[in-house]
């Protein structure tokens, strides 16, 4: 019973996070809607993957700071900033097709 509730809660959270982007979109053309849908589906894998990368970079920061007694603080901080920085949720604009190069 608790597994079913956990799955339902996770699905509701995904719909709330990704549904807000679809509702706030200005362009309601079919292409925009399909890109928003693709972004919502991609977020199912992208957000947990980003969290894993961020967590591992934080662990790398701890290891580097321990091994170097804090001498590589800036390099370690840059490593964490690279893993945890940037965009955490994809939008329809991120799923645009690339123009063809001839």
C-alpha atoms as a PDB file:
ATOM      1  CA  UNK A   1       0.000   0.000   0.000  1.00  0.00           C
ATOM      2  CA  UNK A   2       2.827   2.447   0.808  1.00  0.00           C
ATOM      3  CA  UNK A   3       4.529   1.730  -2.521  1.00  0.00           C
ATOM      4  CA  UNK A   4       1.339   2.683  -4.357  1.00  0.00           C
ATOM      5  CA  UNK A   5       1.092   5.909  -2.367  1.00  0.00           C
ATOM      6  CA  UNK A   6       4.756   6.705  -3.052  1.00  0.00           C
ATOM      7  CA  UNK A   7       4.294   6.188  -6.783  1.00  0.00           C
ATOM      8  CA  UNK A   8       1.115   8.288  -6.773  1.00  0.00           C
ATOM      9  CA  UNK A   9       2.859  11.063  -4.856  1.00  0.00           C
ATOM     10  CA  UNK A  10       5.807  11.041  -7.273  1.00  0.00           C
ATOM     11  CA  UNK A  11       3.476  11.228 -10.280  1.00  0.00           C
ATOM     12  CA  UNK A  12       1.507  14.097  -8.749  1.00  0.00           C
ATOM     13  CA  UNK A  13       4.717  16.018  -8.050  1.00  0.00           C
ATOM     14  CA  UNK A  14       5.910  15.486 -11.624  1.00  0.00           C
ATOM     15  CA  UNK A  15       2.584  16.691 -13.004  1.00  0.00           C
ATOM     16  CA  UNK A  16       2.565  19.738 -10.748  1.00  0.00           C
ATOM     17  CA  UNK A  17       6.137  20.737 -11.634  1.00  0.00           C
ATOM     18  CA  UNK A  18       5.831  20.131 -15.366  1.00  0.00           C
ATOM     19  CA  UNK A  19       2.148  21.086 -15.691  1.00  0.00           C
ATOM     20  CA  UNK A  20       2.833  24.615 -14.482  1.00  0.00           C
ATOM     21  CA  UNK A  21       5.132  25.187 -17.437  1.00  0.00           C
ATOM     22  CA  UNK A  22       2.509  23.972 -19.912  1.00  0.00           C
ATOM     23  CA  UNK A  23      -0.201  26.161 -18.372  1.00  0.00           C
ATOM     24  CA  UNK A  24       2.002  29.265 -18.451  1.00  0.00           C
ATOM     25  CA  UNK A  25       3.158  28.794 -22.042  1.00  0.00           C
ATOM     26  CA  UNK A  26       2.219  31.699 -24.311  1.00  0.00           C
ATOM     27  CA  UNK A  27       2.408  29.850 -27.601  1.00  0.00           C
ATOM     28  CA  UNK A  28      -0.336  27.204 -27.726  1.00  0.00           C
ATOM     29  CA  UNK A  29       0.414  25.866 -31.187  1.00  0.00           C
ATOM     30  CA  UNK A  30       0.598  22.071 -31.580  1.00  0.00           C
ATOM     31  CA  UNK A  31       4.375  22.259 -32.005  1.00  0.00           C
ATOM     32  CA  UNK A  32       4.783  24.138 -28.725  1.00  0.00           C
ATOM     33  CA  UNK A  33       2.510  21.710 -26.914  1.00  0.00           C
ATOM     34  CA  UNK A  34       4.441  18.718 -28.204  1.00  0.00           C
ATOM     35  CA  UNK A  35       7.737  20.332 -27.134  1.00  0.00           C
ATOM     36  CA  UNK A  36       6.318  20.987 -23.661  1.00  0.00           C
ATOM     37  CA  UNK A  37       5.162  17.377 -23.475  1.00  0.00           C
ATOM     38  CA  UNK A  38       8.597  16.163 -24.563  1.00  0.00           C
ATOM     39  CA  UNK A  39      10.215  18.400 -21.939  1.00  0.00           C
ATOM     40  CA  UNK A  40       7.898  17.033 -19.243  1.00  0.00           C
ATOM     41  CA  UNK A  41       8.742  13.461 -20.217  1.00  0.00           C
ATOM     42  CA  UNK A  42      12.458  14.272 -20.318  1.00  0.00           C
ATOM     43  CA  UNK A  43      12.319  15.809 -16.846  1.00  0.00           C
ATOM     44  CA  UNK A  44      11.421  12.378 -15.447  1.00  0.00           C
ATOM     45  CA  UNK A  45      15.018  11.335 -16.183  1.00  0.00           C
ATOM     46  CA  UNK A  46      16.812  14.702 -16.299  1.00  0.00           C
ATOM     47  CA  UNK A  47      15.960  15.979 -12.810  1.00  0.00           C
ATOM     48  CA  UNK A  48      16.972  12.809 -10.896  1.00  0.00           C
ATOM     49  CA  UNK A  49      20.098  12.546 -13.074  1.00  0.00           C
ATOM     50  CA  UNK A  50      20.990  16.142 -12.270  1.00  0.00           C
ATOM     51  CA  UNK A  51      20.461  15.432  -8.550  1.00  0.00           C
ATOM     52  CA  UNK A  52      22.771  12.406  -8.749  1.00  0.00           C
ATOM     53  CA  UNK A  53      25.484  14.401 -10.539  1.00  0.00           C
ATOM     54  CA  UNK A  54      25.137  17.221  -8.004  1.00  0.00           C
ATOM     55  CA  UNK A  55      25.362  14.815  -5.079  1.00  0.00           C
ATOM     56  CA  UNK A  56      28.420  13.081  -6.506  1.00  0.00           C
ATOM     57  CA  UNK A  57      30.153  16.395  -7.169  1.00  0.00           C
ATOM     58  CA  UNK A  58      29.463  17.358  -3.552  1.00  0.00           C
ATOM     59  CA  UNK A  59      31.021  14.090  -2.442  1.00  0.00           C
ATOM     60  CA  UNK A  60      34.000  14.845  -4.692  1.00  0.00           C
ATOM     61  CA  UNK A  61      34.279  18.249  -3.005  1.00  0.00           C
ATOM     62  CA  UNK A  62      34.435  16.613   0.426  1.00  0.00           C
ATOM     63  CA  UNK A  63      37.062  14.115  -0.736  1.00  0.00           C
ATOM     64  CA  UNK A  64      39.205  16.792  -2.426  1.00  0.00           C
ATOM     65  CA  UNK A  65      39.011  19.088   0.591  1.00  0.00           C
ATOM     66  CA  UNK A  66      39.951  16.211   2.902  1.00  0.00           C
ATOM     67  CA  UNK A  67      42.876  14.995   0.810  1.00  0.00           C
ATOM     68  CA  UNK A  68      44.333  18.480   0.228  1.00  0.00           C
ATOM     69  CA  UNK A  69      43.530  19.891   3.697  1.00  0.00           C
ATOM     70  CA  UNK A  70      41.515  22.668   2.053  1.00  0.00           C
ATOM     71  CA  UNK A  71      44.233  23.925  -0.294  1.00  0.00           C
ATOM     72  CA  UNK A  72      42.157  23.231  -3.420  1.00  0.00           C
ATOM     73  CA  UNK A  73      39.086  25.074  -2.186  1.00  0.00           C
ATOM     74  CA  UNK A  74      38.470  27.121  -5.355  1.00  0.00           C
ATOM     75  CA  UNK A  75      38.956  24.143  -7.682  1.00  0.00           C
ATOM     76  CA  UNK A  76      36.658  22.009  -5.542  1.00  0.00           C
ATOM     77  CA  UNK A  77      34.031  24.748  -5.425  1.00  0.00           C
ATOM     78  CA  UNK A  78      34.191  25.066  -9.219  1.00  0.00           C
ATOM     79  CA  UNK A  79      33.675  21.311  -9.507  1.00  0.00           C
ATOM     80  CA  UNK A  80      30.518  21.488  -7.380  1.00  0.00           C
ATOM     81  CA  UNK A  81      29.298  24.582  -9.226  1.00  0.00           C
ATOM     82  CA  UNK A  82      29.643  22.661 -12.491  1.00  0.00           C
ATOM     83  CA  UNK A  83      27.681  19.689 -11.166  1.00  0.00           C
ATOM     84  CA  UNK A  84      24.955  21.609  -9.338  1.00  0.00           C
ATOM     85  CA  UNK A  85      24.721  24.824 -11.346  1.00  0.00           C
ATOM     86  CA  UNK A  86      22.677  25.548 -14.399  1.00  0.00           C
ATOM     87  CA  UNK A  87      19.145  24.608 -15.272  1.00  0.00           C
ATOM     88  CA  UNK A  88      17.398  21.920 -13.235  1.00  0.00           C
ATOM     89  CA  UNK A  89      14.112  21.633 -15.176  1.00  0.00           C
ATOM     90  CA  UNK A  90      13.764  21.413 -18.955  1.00  0.00           C
ATOM     91  CA  UNK A  91      11.219  23.574 -20.781  1.00  0.00           C
ATOM     92  CA  UNK A  92       9.737  23.409 -24.249  1.00  0.00           C
ATOM     93  CA  UNK A  93      12.331  25.925 -25.485  1.00  0.00           C
ATOM     94  CA  UNK A  94      15.090  23.448 -24.586  1.00  0.00           C
ATOM     95  CA  UNK A  95      13.547  20.797 -26.845  1.00  0.00           C
ATOM     96  CA  UNK A  96      13.639  22.919 -30.027  1.00  0.00           C
ATOM     97  CA  UNK A  97      14.827  21.089 -33.131  1.00  0.00           C
ATOM     98  CA  UNK A  98      18.186  22.258 -34.379  1.00  0.00           C
ATOM     99  CA  UNK A  99      18.268  23.977 -37.785  1.00  0.00           C
ATOM    100  CA  UNK A 100      19.607  21.867 -40.619  1.00  0.00           C
ATOM    101  CA  UNK A 101      23.148  22.621 -41.674  1.00  0.00           C
ATOM    102  CA  UNK A 102      23.881  22.271 -45.386  1.00  0.00           C
END
